Amino acid sequence: MPETLPRETHNPTKGWARAPLTVIILVVVLIAAFFLAYALVLIL
């Protein structure tokens, strides 16, 4: 009886969930690379 369950239209869990995660990981990697390069510039 799937028609008795409330439809979840406000919170789609499929399709778009991978893109924000990819963006967050990309931003974190870019920040980490920036700090690593900055540390190398300070050391050399």
Protein backbone atom coordinates (compact mmCIF):
# COMPACT_ATOMS: atom_id res chain seq x y z
CA MET A 1 0.00 0.00 0.00
CA PRO A 2 2.39 2.74 -1.09
CA GLU A 3 -0.42 5.20 -1.75
CA THR A 4 -1.19 5.47 1.97
CA LEU A 5 2.25 6.90 2.74
CA PRO A 6 2.77 10.67 2.62
CA ARG A 7 4.62 11.81 -0.49
CA GLU A 8 8.02 13.31 0.17
CA THR A 9 8.32 16.14 -2.31
CA HIS A 10 10.18 18.68 -0.17
CA ASN A 11 13.29 16.57 0.38
CA PRO A 12 14.46 14.74 -2.74
CA THR A 13 17.28 12.42 -1.77
CA LYS A 14 18.22 11.21 -5.24
CA GLY A 15 19.90 12.97 -8.13
CA TRP A 16 21.31 16.17 -6.67
CA ALA A 17 22.95 14.91 -3.48
CA ARG A 18 26.29 14.16 -5.15
CA ALA A 19 26.91 17.67 -6.51
CA PRO A 20 27.01 19.58 -3.18
CA LEU A 21 29.28 16.92 -1.71
CA THR A 22 31.62 17.25 -4.69
CA VAL A 23 31.65 21.04 -4.34
CA ILE A 24 32.43 20.84 -0.61
CA ILE A 25 35.28 18.35 -1.18
CA LEU A 26 36.67 20.53 -3.98
CA VAL A 27 36.63 23.65 -1.77
CA VAL A 28 38.33 21.78 1.08
CA VAL A 29 41.04 20.45 -1.26
CA LEU A 30 41.64 23.92 -2.69
CA ILE A 31 41.97 25.47 0.79
CA ALA A 32 44.34 22.70 1.89
CA ALA A 33 46.46 23.17 -1.24
CA PHE A 34 46.58 26.93 -0.64
CA PHE A 35 47.82 26.50 2.93
CA LEU A 36 50.34 23.88 1.86
CA ALA A 37 51.73 26.16 -0.85
CA TYR A 38 51.80 29.08 1.61
CA ALA A 39 53.74 27.01 4.12
CA LEU A 40 56.22 25.96 1.44
CA VAL A 41 56.73 29.61 0.42
CA LEU A 42 57.40 30.56 4.04
CA ILE A 43 59.88 27.68 4.50
CA LEU A 44 61.87 28.34 1.32
